[in-house]
Amino acid sequence: YADSVKGRFTISRDSAKNTVYLQMNT
């Protein structure tokens, strides 16, 4: 993660769906 988003954003993936997510909080 970039320092500017560390602790607020979370990246995850679903390999079966070939999809990546970005959960952005605060």
mmCIF file of all heavy atoms, coordinates in Angstrom:
data_MODEL
# 
_entry.id   MODEL 
# 
loop_
_atom_site.group_PDB 
_atom_site.id 
_atom_site.type_symbol 
_atom_site.label_atom_id 
_atom_site.label_alt_id 
_atom_site.label_comp_id 
_atom_site.label_asym_id 
_atom_site.label_entity_id 
_atom_site.label_seq_id 
_atom_site.pdbx_PDB_ins_code 
_atom_site.Cartn_x 
_atom_site.Cartn_y 
_atom_site.Cartn_z 
_atom_site.occupancy 
_atom_site.B_iso_or_equiv 
_atom_site.pdbx_formal_charge 
_atom_site.auth_seq_id 
_atom_site.auth_comp_id 
_atom_site.auth_asym_id 
_atom_site.auth_atom_id 
_atom_site.pdbx_PDB_model_num 
ATOM 1   N N   . TYR A 1 1  ? 0.812   -1.204  0.000   1.00 0.00 ? 1  TYR A N   1 
ATOM 2   C CA  . TYR A 1 1  ? 0.000   0.000   0.000   1.00 0.00 ? 1  TYR A CA  1 
ATOM 3   C C   . TYR A 1 1  ? 0.851   1.262   0.000   1.00 0.00 ? 1  TYR A C   1 
ATOM 4   O O   . TYR A 1 1  ? 1.942   1.292   0.572   1.00 0.00 ? 1  TYR A O   1 
ATOM 5   C CB  . TYR A 1 1  ? -0.885  0.034   1.257   1.00 0.00 ? 1  TYR A CB  1 
ATOM 6   C CG  . TYR A 1 1  ? -1.918  -1.057  1.326   1.00 0.00 ? 1  TYR A CG  1 
ATOM 7   C CD1 . TYR A 1 1  ? -1.626  -2.283  1.921   1.00 0.00 ? 1  TYR A CD1 1 
ATOM 8   C CD2 . TYR A 1 1  ? -3.187  -0.876  0.790   1.00 0.00 ? 1  TYR A CD2 1 
ATOM 9   C CE1 . TYR A 1 1  ? -2.568  -3.292  1.979   1.00 0.00 ? 1  TYR A CE1 1 
ATOM 10  C CE2 . TYR A 1 1  ? -4.142  -1.886  0.850   1.00 0.00 ? 1  TYR A CE2 1 
ATOM 11  C CZ  . TYR A 1 1  ? -3.821  -3.089  1.441   1.00 0.00 ? 1  TYR A CZ  1 
ATOM 12  O OH  . TYR A 1 1  ? -4.766  -4.073  1.496   1.00 0.00 ? 1  TYR A OH  1 
ATOM 13  N N   . ALA A 1 2  ? 0.305   2.290   -0.613  1.00 0.00 ? 2  ALA A N   1 
ATOM 14  C CA  . ALA A 1 2  ? 0.896   3.618   -0.458  1.00 0.00 ? 2  ALA A CA  1 
ATOM 15  C C   . ALA A 1 2  ? 0.682   4.072   0.978   1.00 0.00 ? 2  ALA A C   1 
ATOM 16  O O   . ALA A 1 2  ? -0.331  3.752   1.596   1.00 0.00 ? 2  ALA A O   1 
ATOM 17  C CB  . ALA A 1 2  ? 0.262   4.598   -1.435  1.00 0.00 ? 2  ALA A CB  1 
ATOM 18  N N   . ASP A 1 3  ? 1.629   4.841   1.491   1.00 0.00 ? 3  ASP A N   1 
ATOM 19  C CA  . ASP A 1 3  ? 1.522   5.314   2.876   1.00 0.00 ? 3  ASP A CA  1 
ATOM 20  C C   . ASP A 1 3  ? 0.254   6.123   3.091   1.00 0.00 ? 3  ASP A C   1 
ATOM 21  O O   . ASP A 1 3  ? -0.338  6.091   4.174   1.00 0.00 ? 3  ASP A O   1 
ATOM 22  C CB  . ASP A 1 3  ? 2.741   6.155   3.231   1.00 0.00 ? 3  ASP A CB  1 
ATOM 23  C CG  . ASP A 1 3  ? 4.002   5.324   3.393   1.00 0.00 ? 3  ASP A CG  1 
ATOM 24  O OD1 . ASP A 1 3  ? 3.884   4.091   3.571   1.00 0.00 ? 3  ASP A OD1 1 
ATOM 25  O OD2 . ASP A 1 3  ? 5.095   5.904   3.341   1.00 0.00 ? 3  ASP A OD2 1 
ATOM 26  N N   . SER A 1 4  ? -0.188  6.828   2.065   1.00 0.00 ? 4  SER A N   1 
ATOM 27  C CA  . SER A 1 4  ? -1.339  7.716   2.198   1.00 0.00 ? 4  SER A CA  1 
ATOM 28  C C   . SER A 1 4  ? -2.645  6.965   2.433   1.00 0.00 ? 4  SER A C   1 
ATOM 29  O O   . SER A 1 4  ? -3.623  7.556   2.901   1.00 0.00 ? 4  SER A O   1 
ATOM 30  C CB  . SER A 1 4  ? -1.467  8.599   0.962   1.00 0.00 ? 4  SER A CB  1 
ATOM 31  O OG  . SER A 1 4  ? -1.610  7.804   -0.201  1.00 0.00 ? 4  SER A OG  1 
ATOM 32  N N   . VAL A 1 5  ? -2.687  5.678   2.106   1.00 0.00 ? 5  VAL A N   1 
ATOM 33  C CA  . VAL A 1 5  ? -3.932  4.915   2.262   1.00 0.00 ? 5  VAL A CA  1 
ATOM 34  C C   . VAL A 1 5  ? -3.792  3.766   3.242   1.00 0.00 ? 5  VAL A C   1 
ATOM 35  O O   . VAL A 1 5  ? -4.791  3.101   3.565   1.00 0.00 ? 5  VAL A O   1 
ATOM 36  C CB  . VAL A 1 5  ? -4.429  4.376   0.909   1.00 0.00 ? 5  VAL A CB  1 
ATOM 37  C CG1 . VAL A 1 5  ? -4.553  5.504   -0.104  1.00 0.00 ? 5  VAL A CG1 1 
ATOM 38  C CG2 . VAL A 1 5  ? -3.539  3.260   0.381   1.00 0.00 ? 5  VAL A CG2 1 
ATOM 39  N N   . LYS A 1 6  ? -2.591  3.527   3.735   1.00 0.00 ? 6  LYS A N   1 
ATOM 40  C CA  . LYS A 1 6  ? -2.348  2.394   4.625   1.00 0.00 ? 6  LYS A CA  1 
ATOM 41  C C   . LYS A 1 6  ? -3.225  2.530   5.879   1.00 0.00 ? 6  LYS A C   1 
ATOM 42  O O   . LYS A 1 6  ? -3.301  3.596   6.488   1.00 0.00 ? 6  LYS A O   1 
ATOM 43  C CB  . LYS A 1 6  ? -0.871  2.361   5.007   1.00 0.00 ? 6  LYS A CB  1 
ATOM 44  C CG  . LYS A 1 6  ? -0.367  1.020   5.469   1.00 0.00 ? 6  LYS A CG  1 
ATOM 45  C CD  . LYS A 1 6  ? 1.152   1.059   5.622   1.00 0.00 ? 6  LYS A CD  1 
ATOM 46  C CE  . LYS A 1 6  ? 1.854   1.250   4.299   1.00 0.00 ? 6  LYS A CE  1 
ATOM 47  N NZ  . LYS A 1 6  ? 3.323   1.221   4.441   1.00 0.00 ? 6  LYS A NZ  1 
ATOM 48  N N   . GLY A 1 7  ? -3.891  1.451   6.221   1.00 0.00 ? 7  GLY A N   1 
ATOM 49  C CA  . GLY A 1 7  ? -4.775  1.448   7.376   1.00 0.00 ? 7  GLY A CA  1 
ATOM 50  C C   . GLY A 1 7  ? -6.193  1.885   7.068   1.00 0.00 ? 7  GLY A C   1 
ATOM 51  O O   . GLY A 1 7  ? -7.093  1.700   7.892   1.00 0.00 ? 7  GLY A O   1 
ATOM 52  N N   . ARG A 1 8  ? -6.425  2.456   5.893   1.00 0.00 ? 8  ARG A N   1 
ATOM 53  C CA  . ARG A 1 8  ? -7.775  2.894   5.506   1.00 0.00 ? 8  ARG A CA  1 
ATOM 54  C C   . ARG A 1 8  ? -8.320  2.086   4.342   1.00 0.00 ? 8  ARG A C   1 
ATOM 55  O O   . ARG A 1 8  ? -9.520  1.847   4.267   1.00 0.00 ? 8  ARG A O   1 
ATOM 56  C CB  . ARG A 1 8  ? -7.762  4.379   5.133   1.00 0.00 ? 8  ARG A CB  1 
ATOM 57  C CG  . ARG A 1 8  ? -7.313  5.298   6.243   1.00 0.00 ? 8  ARG A CG  1 
ATOM 58  C CD  . ARG A 1 8  ? -7.508  6.766   5.858   1.00 0.00 ? 8  ARG A CD  1 
ATOM 59  N NE  . ARG A 1 8  ? -6.728  7.155   4.694   1.00 0.00 ? 8  ARG A NE  1 
ATOM 60  C CZ  . ARG A 1 8  ? -7.256  7.642   3.574   1.00 0.00 ? 8  ARG A CZ  1 
ATOM 61  N NH1 . ARG A 1 8  ? -8.561  7.811   3.474   1.00 0.00 ? 8  ARG A NH1 1 
ATOM 62  N NH2 . ARG A 1 8  ? -6.462  7.996   2.572   1.00 0.00 ? 8  ARG A NH2 1 
ATOM 63  N N   . PHE A 1 9  ? -7.446  1.710   3.420   1.00 0.00 ? 9  PHE A N   1 
ATOM 64  C CA  . PHE A 1 9  ? -7.857  0.971   2.225   1.00 0.00 ? 9  PHE A CA  1 
ATOM 65  C C   . PHE A 1 9  ? -7.405  -0.477  2.338   1.00 0.00 ? 9  PHE A C   1 
ATOM 66  O O   . PHE A 1 9  ? -6.351  -0.775  2.908   1.00 0.00 ? 9  PHE A O   1 
ATOM 67  C CB  . PHE A 1 9  ? -7.227  1.580   0.979   1.00 0.00 ? 9  PHE A CB  1 
ATOM 68  C CG  . PHE A 1 9  ? -7.740  2.937   0.582   1.00 0.00 ? 9  PHE A CG  1 
ATOM 69  C CD1 . PHE A 1 9  ? -8.549  3.690   1.428   1.00 0.00 ? 9  PHE A CD1 1 
ATOM 70  C CD2 . PHE A 1 9  ? -7.405  3.466   -0.656  1.00 0.00 ? 9  PHE A CD2 1 
ATOM 71  C CE1 . PHE A 1 9  ? -9.017  4.933   1.047   1.00 0.00 ? 9  PHE A CE1 1 
ATOM 72  C CE2 . PHE A 1 9  ? -7.868  4.713   -1.059  1.00 0.00 ? 9  PHE A CE2 1 
ATOM 73  C CZ  . PHE A 1 9  ? -8.661  5.450   -0.187  1.00 0.00 ? 9  PHE A CZ  1 
ATOM 74  N N   . THR A 1 10 ? -8.192  -1.372  1.752   1.00 0.00 ? 10 THR A N   1 
ATOM 75  C CA  . THR A 1 10 ? -7.846  -2.792  1.720   1.00 0.00 ? 10 THR A CA  1 
ATOM 76  C C   . THR A 1 10 ? -8.104  -3.344  0.335   1.00 0.00 ? 10 THR A C   1 
ATOM 77  O O   . THR A 1 10 ? -9.208  -3.188  -0.198  1.00 0.00 ? 10 THR A O   1 
ATOM 78  C CB  . THR A 1 10 ? -8.665  -3.586  2.744   1.00 0.00 ? 10 THR A CB  1 
ATOM 79  O OG1 . THR A 1 10 ? -8.458  -3.047  4.059   1.00 0.00 ? 10 THR A OG1 1 
ATOM 80  C CG2 . THR A 1 10 ? -8.238  -5.053  2.738   1.00 0.00 ? 10 THR A CG2 1 
ATOM 81  N N   . ILE A 1 11 ? -7.097  -3.978  -0.231  1.00 0.00 ? 11 ILE A N   1 
ATOM 82  C CA  . ILE A 1 11 ? -7.245  -4.633  -1.528  1.00 0.00 ? 11 ILE A CA  1 
ATOM 83  C C   . ILE A 1 11 ? -7.439  -6.125  -1.278  1.00 0.00 ? 11 ILE A C   1 
ATOM 84  O O   . ILE A 1 11 ? -6.835  -6.710  -0.373  1.00 0.00 ? 11 ILE A O   1 
ATOM 85  C CB  . ILE A 1 11 ? -6.019  -4.370  -2.431  1.00 0.00 ? 11 ILE A CB  1 
ATOM 86  C CG1 . ILE A 1 11 ? -6.284  -4.874  -3.850  1.00 0.00 ? 11 ILE A CG1 1 
ATOM 87  C CG2 . ILE A 1 11 ? -4.746  -4.969  -1.859  1.00 0.00 ? 11 ILE A CG2 1 
ATOM 88  C CD1 . ILE A 1 11 ? -5.209  -4.454  -4.869  1.00 0.00 ? 11 ILE A CD1 1 
ATOM 89  N N   . SER A 1 12 ? -8.304  -6.724  -2.093  1.00 0.00 ? 12 SER A N   1 
ATOM 90  C CA  . SER A 1 12 ? -8.530  -8.168  -2.006  1.00 0.00 ? 12 SER A CA  1 
ATOM 91  C C   . SER A 1 12 ? -8.860  -8.684  -3.394  1.00 0.00 ? 12 SER A C   1 
ATOM 92  O O   . SER A 1 12 ? -9.113  -7.899  -4.308  1.00 0.00 ? 12 SER A O   1 
ATOM 93  C CB  . SER A 1 12 ? -9.656  -8.483  -1.026  1.00 0.00 ? 12 SER A CB  1 
ATOM 94  O OG  . SER A 1 12 ? -10.867 -7.899  -1.450  1.00 0.00 ? 12 SER A OG  1 
ATOM 95  N N   . ARG A 1 13 ? -8.840  -9.992  -3.519  1.00 0.00 ? 13 ARG A N   1 
ATOM 96  C CA  . ARG A 1 13 ? -9.122  -10.569 -4.832  1.00 0.00 ? 13 ARG A CA  1 
ATOM 97  C C   . ARG A 1 13 ? -10.002 -11.790 -4.683  1.00 0.00 ? 13 ARG A C   1 
ATOM 98  O O   . ARG A 1 13 ? -9.985  -12.466 -3.658  1.00 0.00 ? 13 ARG A O   1 
ATOM 99  C CB  . ARG A 1 13 ? -7.823  -10.955 -5.538  1.00 0.00 ? 13 ARG A CB  1 
ATOM 100 C CG  . ARG A 1 13 ? -7.191  -12.252 -4.986  1.00 0.00 ? 13 ARG A CG  1 
ATOM 101 C CD  . ARG A 1 13 ? -5.791  -12.413 -5.401  1.00 0.00 ? 13 ARG A CD  1 
ATOM 102 N NE  . ARG A 1 13 ? -5.191  -13.698 -5.149  1.00 0.00 ? 13 ARG A NE  1 
ATOM 103 C CZ  . ARG A 1 13 ? -5.017  -14.300 -3.988  1.00 0.00 ? 13 ARG A CZ  1 
ATOM 104 N NH1 . ARG A 1 13 ? -5.467  -13.753 -2.884  1.00 0.00 ? 13 ARG A NH1 1 
ATOM 105 N NH2 . ARG A 1 13 ? -4.390  -15.451 -3.899  1.00 0.00 ? 13 ARG A NH2 1 
ATOM 106 N N   . ASP A 1 14 ? -10.746 -12.065 -5.753  1.00 0.00 ? 14 ASP A N   1 
ATOM 107 C CA  . ASP A 1 14 ? -11.522 -13.298 -5.878  1.00 0.00 ? 14 ASP A CA  1 
ATOM 108 C C   . ASP A 1 14 ? -11.018 -13.955 -7.151  1.00 0.00 ? 14 ASP A C   1 
ATOM 109 O O   . ASP A 1 14 ? -11.407 -13.564 -8.256  1.00 0.00 ? 14 ASP A O   1 
ATOM 110 C CB  . ASP A 1 14 ? -13.020 -12.992 -5.949  1.00 0.00 ? 14 ASP A CB  1 
ATOM 111 C CG  . ASP A 1 14 ? -13.869 -14.238 -5.987  1.00 0.00 ? 14 ASP A CG  1 
ATOM 112 O OD1 . ASP A 1 14 ? -13.389 -15.286 -6.482  1.00 0.00 ? 14 ASP A OD1 1 
ATOM 113 O OD2 . ASP A 1 14 ? -15.025 -14.178 -5.532  1.00 0.00 ? 14 ASP A OD2 1 
ATOM 114 N N   . SER A 1 15 ? -10.151 -14.927 -6.982  1.00 0.00 ? 15 SER A N   1 
ATOM 115 C CA  . SER A 1 15 ? -9.520  -15.556 -8.146  1.00 0.00 ? 15 SER A CA  1 
ATOM 116 C C   . SER A 1 15 ? -10.536 -16.239 -9.037  1.00 0.00 ? 15 SER A C   1 
ATOM 117 O O   . SER A 1 15 ? -10.380 -16.223 -10.264 1.00 0.00 ? 15 SER A O   1 
ATOM 118 C CB  . SER A 1 15 ? -8.469  -16.564 -7.675  1.00 0.00 ? 15 SER A CB  1 
ATOM 119 O OG  . SER A 1 15 ? -7.478  -15.938 -6.901  1.00 0.00 ? 15 SER A OG  1 
ATOM 120 N N   . ALA A 1 16 ? -11.560 -16.823 -8.449  1.00 0.00 ? 16 ALA A N   1 
ATOM 121 C CA  . ALA A 1 16 ? -12.567 -17.533 -9.241  1.00 0.00 ? 16 ALA A CA  1 
ATOM 122 C C   . ALA A 1 16 ? -13.322 -16.586 -10.162 1.00 0.00 ? 16 ALA A C   1 
ATOM 123 O O   . ALA A 1 16 ? -13.758 -16.959 -11.250 1.00 0.00 ? 16 ALA A O   1 
ATOM 124 C CB  . ALA A 1 16 ? -13.535 -18.263 -8.327  1.00 0.00 ? 16 ALA A CB  1 
ATOM 125 N N   . LYS A 1 17 ? -13.461 -15.335 -9.719  1.00 0.00 ? 17 LYS A N   1 
ATOM 126 C CA  . LYS A 1 17 ? -14.187 -14.341 -10.516 1.00 0.00 ? 17 LYS A CA  1 
ATOM 127 C C   . LYS A 1 17 ? -13.256 -13.408 -11.267 1.00 0.00 ? 17 LYS A C   1 
ATOM 128 O O   . LYS A 1 17 ? -13.729 -12.493 -11.951 1.00 0.00 ? 17 LYS A O   1 
ATOM 129 C CB  . LYS A 1 17 ? -15.092 -13.513 -9.599  1.00 0.00 ? 17 LYS A CB  1 
ATOM 130 C CG  . LYS A 1 17 ? -16.198 -14.300 -8.919  1.00 0.00 ? 17 LYS A CG  1 
ATOM 131 C CD  . LYS A 1 17 ? -17.058 -13.391 -8.062  1.00 0.00 ? 17 LYS A CD  1 
ATOM 132 C CE  . LYS A 1 17 ? -18.195 -14.168 -7.399  1.00 0.00 ? 17 LYS A CE  1 
ATOM 133 N NZ  . LYS A 1 17 ? -19.041 -13.286 -6.554  1.00 0.00 ? 17 LYS A NZ  1 
ATOM 134 N N   . ASN A 1 18 ? -11.946 -13.620 -11.127 1.00 0.00 ? 18 ASN A N   1 
ATOM 135 C CA  . ASN A 1 18 ? -10.966 -12.721 -11.760 1.00 0.00 ? 18 ASN A CA  1 
ATOM 136 C C   . ASN A 1 18 ? -11.271 -11.262 -11.434 1.00 0.00 ? 18 ASN A C   1 
ATOM 137 O O   . ASN A 1 18 ? -11.251 -10.392 -12.319 1.00 0.00 ? 18 ASN A O   1 
ATOM 138 C CB  . ASN A 1 18 ? -10.938 -12.919 -13.274 1.00 0.00 ? 18 ASN A CB  1 
ATOM 139 C CG  . ASN A 1 18 ? -10.312 -14.234 -13.671 1.00 0.00 ? 18 ASN A CG  1 
ATOM 140 O OD1 . ASN A 1 18 ? -9.303  -14.652 -13.098 1.00 0.00 ? 18 ASN A OD1 1 
ATOM 141 N ND2 . ASN A 1 18 ? -10.907 -14.914 -14.630 1.00 0.00 ? 18 ASN A ND2 1 
ATOM 142 N N   . THR A 1 19 ? -11.558 -11.031 -10.182 1.00 0.00 ? 19 THR A N   1 
ATOM 143 C CA  . THR A 1 19 ? -11.973 -9.699  -9.748  1.00 0.00 ? 19 THR A CA  1 
ATOM 144 C C   . THR A 1 19 ? -11.130 -9.252  -8.563  1.00 0.00 ? 19 THR A C   1 
ATOM 145 O O   . THR A 1 19 ? -10.822 -10.053 -7.671  1.00 0.00 ? 19 THR A O   1 
ATOM 146 C CB  . THR A 1 19 ? -13.461 -9.705  -9.361  1.00 0.00 ? 19 THR A CB  1 
ATOM 147 O OG1 . THR A 1 19 ? -14.235 -10.056 -10.515 1.00 0.00 ? 19 THR A OG1 1 
ATOM 148 C CG2 . THR A 1 19 ? -13.906 -8.338  -8.866  1.00 0.00 ? 19 THR A CG2 1 
ATOM 149 N N   . VAL A 1 20 ? -10.768 -7.994  -8.567  1.00 0.00 ? 20 VAL A N   1 
ATOM 150 C CA  . VAL A 1 20 ? -10.066 -7.390  -7.447  1.00 0.00 ? 20 VAL A CA  1 
ATOM 151 C C   . VAL A 1 20 ? -10.945 -6.284  -6.879  1.00 0.00 ? 20 VAL A C   1 
ATOM 152 O O   . VAL A 1 20 ? -11.691 -5.637  -7.612  1.00 0.00 ? 20 VAL A O   1 
ATOM 153 C CB  . VAL A 1 20 ? -8.686  -6.855  -7.879  1.00 0.00 ? 20 VAL A CB  1 
ATOM 154 C CG1 . VAL A 1 20 ? -8.817  -5.694  -8.847  1.00 0.00 ? 20 VAL A CG1 1 
ATOM 155 C CG2 . VAL A 1 20 ? -7.842  -6.474  -6.679  1.00 0.00 ? 20 VAL A CG2 1 
ATOM 156 N N   . TYR A 1 21 ? -10.866 -6.129  -5.575  1.00 0.00 ? 21 TYR A N   1 
ATOM 157 C CA  . TYR A 1 21 ? -11.690 -5.148  -4.873  1.00 0.00 ? 21 TYR A CA  1 
ATOM 158 C C   . TYR A 1 21 ? -10.797 -4.158  -4.133  1.00 0.00 ? 21 TYR A C   1 
ATOM 159 O O   . TYR A 1 21 ? -9.687  -4.488  -3.712  1.00 0.00 ? 21 TYR A O   1 
ATOM 160 C CB  . TYR A 1 21 ? -12.601 -5.851  -3.869  1.00 0.00 ? 21 TYR A CB  1 
ATOM 161 C CG  . TYR A 1 21 ? -13.483 -6.903  -4.480  1.00 0.00 ? 21 TYR A CG  1 
ATOM 162 C CD1 . TYR A 1 21 ? -13.118 -8.250  -4.439  1.00 0.00 ? 21 TYR A CD1 1 
ATOM 163 C CD2 . TYR A 1 21 ? -14.673 -6.564  -5.111  1.00 0.00 ? 21 TYR A CD2 1 
ATOM 164 C CE1 . TYR A 1 21 ? -13.919 -9.230  -5.006  1.00 0.00 ? 21 TYR A CE1 1 
ATOM 165 C CE2 . TYR A 1 21 ? -15.479 -7.546  -5.686  1.00 0.00 ? 21 TYR A CE2 1 
ATOM 166 C CZ  . TYR A 1 21 ? -15.085 -8.869  -5.628  1.00 0.00 ? 21 TYR A CZ  1 
ATOM 167 O OH  . TYR A 1 21 ? -15.885 -9.832  -6.207  1.00 0.00 ? 21 TYR A OH  1 
ATOM 168 N N   . LEU A 1 22 ? -11.323 -2.962  -3.981  1.00 0.00 ? 22 LEU A N   1 
ATOM 169 C CA  . LEU A 1 22 ? -10.660 -1.960  -3.163  1.00 0.00 ? 22 LEU A CA  1 
ATOM 170 C C   . LEU A 1 22 ? -11.682 -1.409  -2.178  1.00 0.00 ? 22 LEU A C   1 
ATOM 171 O O   . LEU A 1 22 ? -12.581 -0.661  -2.568  1.00 0.00 ? 22 LEU A O   1 
ATOM 172 C CB  . LEU A 1 22 ? -10.081 -0.839  -4.017  1.00 0.00 ? 22 LEU A CB  1 
ATOM 173 C CG  . LEU A 1 22 ? -9.344  0.258   -3.250  1.00 0.00 ? 22 LEU A CG  1 
ATOM 174 C CD1 . LEU A 1 22 ? -8.132  -0.313  -2.520  1.00 0.00 ? 22 LEU A CD1 1 
ATOM 175 C CD2 . LEU A 1 22 ? -8.915  1.388   -4.185  1.00 0.00 ? 22 LEU A CD2 1 
ATOM 176 N N   . GLN A 1 23 ? -11.547 -1.818  -0.931  1.00 0.00 ? 23 GLN A N   1 
ATOM 177 C CA  . GLN A 1 23 ? -12.408 -1.298  0.121   1.00 0.00 ? 23 GLN A CA  1 
ATOM 178 C C   . GLN A 1 23 ? -11.759 -0.042  0.678   1.00 0.00 ? 23 GLN A C   1 
ATOM 179 O O   . GLN A 1 23 ? -10.625 -0.085  1.162   1.00 0.00 ? 23 GLN A O   1 
ATOM 180 C CB  . GLN A 1 23 ? -12.580 -2.334  1.229   1.00 0.00 ? 23 GLN A CB  1 
ATOM 181 C CG  . GLN A 1 23 ? -13.432 -1.862  2.402   1.00 0.00 ? 23 GLN A CG  1 
ATOM 182 C CD  . GLN A 1 23 ? -14.877 -1.614  2.019   1.00 0.00 ? 23 GLN A CD  1 
ATOM 183 O OE1 . GLN A 1 23 ? -15.486 -2.411  1.325   1.00 0.00 ? 23 GLN A OE1 1 
ATOM 184 N NE2 . GLN A 1 23 ? -15.427 -0.490  2.479   1.00 0.00 ? 23 GLN A NE2 1 
ATOM 185 N N   . MET A 1 24 ? -12.478 1.058   0.589   1.00 0.00 ? 24 MET A N   1 
ATOM 186 C CA  . MET A 1 24 ? -11.939 2.350   1.024   1.00 0.00 ? 24 MET A CA  1 
ATOM 187 C C   . MET A 1 24 ? -12.765 2.863   2.198   1.00 0.00 ? 24 MET A C   1 
ATOM 188 O O   . MET A 1 24 ? -13.963 3.115   2.036   1.00 0.00 ? 24 MET A O   1 
ATOM 189 C CB  . MET A 1 24 ? -11.977 3.351   -0.137  1.00 0.00 ? 24 MET A CB  1 
ATOM 190 C CG  . MET A 1 24 ? -11.261 2.855   -1.381  1.00 0.00 ? 24 MET A CG  1 
ATOM 191 S SD  . MET A 1 24 ? -11.180 4.092   -2.691  1.00 0.00 ? 24 MET A SD  1 
ATOM 192 C CE  . MET A 1 24 ? -12.916 4.233   -3.104  1.00 0.00 ? 24 MET A CE  1 
ATOM 193 N N   . ASN A 1 25 ? -12.127 2.973   3.332   1.00 0.00 ? 25 ASN A N   1 
ATOM 194 C CA  . ASN A 1 25 ? -12.786 3.461   4.533   1.00 0.00 ? 25 ASN A CA  1 
ATOM 195 C C   . ASN A 1 25 ? -12.177 4.794   4.973   1.00 0.00 ? 25 ASN A C   1 
ATOM 196 O O   . ASN A 1 25 ? -11.076 5.148   4.547   1.00 0.00 ? 25 ASN A O   1 
ATOM 197 C CB  . ASN A 1 25 ? -12.644 2.443   5.668   1.00 0.00 ? 25 ASN A CB  1 
ATOM 198 C CG  . ASN A 1 25 ? -13.307 1.120   5.353   1.00 0.00 ? 25 ASN A CG  1 
ATOM 199 O OD1 . ASN A 1 25 ? -14.331 1.068   4.642   1.00 0.00 ? 25 ASN A OD1 1 
ATOM 200 N ND2 . ASN A 1 25 ? -12.758 0.032   5.863   1.00 0.00 ? 25 ASN A ND2 1 
ATOM 201 N N   . THR A 1 26 ? -12.890 5.474   5.827   1.00 0.00 ? 26 THR A N   1 
ATOM 202 C CA  . THR A 1 26 ? -12.427 6.763   6.372   1.00 0.00 ? 26 THR A CA  1 
ATOM 203 C C   . THR A 1 26 ? -11.914 7.660   5.244   1.00 0.00 ? 26 THR A C   1 
ATOM 204 O O   . THR A 1 26 ? -10.804 8.190   5.286   1.00 0.00 ? 26 THR A O   1 
ATOM 205 C CB  . THR A 1 26 ? -11.322 6.548   7.419   1.00 0.00 ? 26 THR A CB  1 
ATOM 206 O OG1 . THR A 1 26 ? -11.633 5.433   8.248   1.00 0.00 ? 26 THR A OG1 1 
ATOM 207 C CG2 . THR A 1 26 ? -11.175 7.777   8.312   1.00 0.00 ? 26 THR A CG2 1 
# 
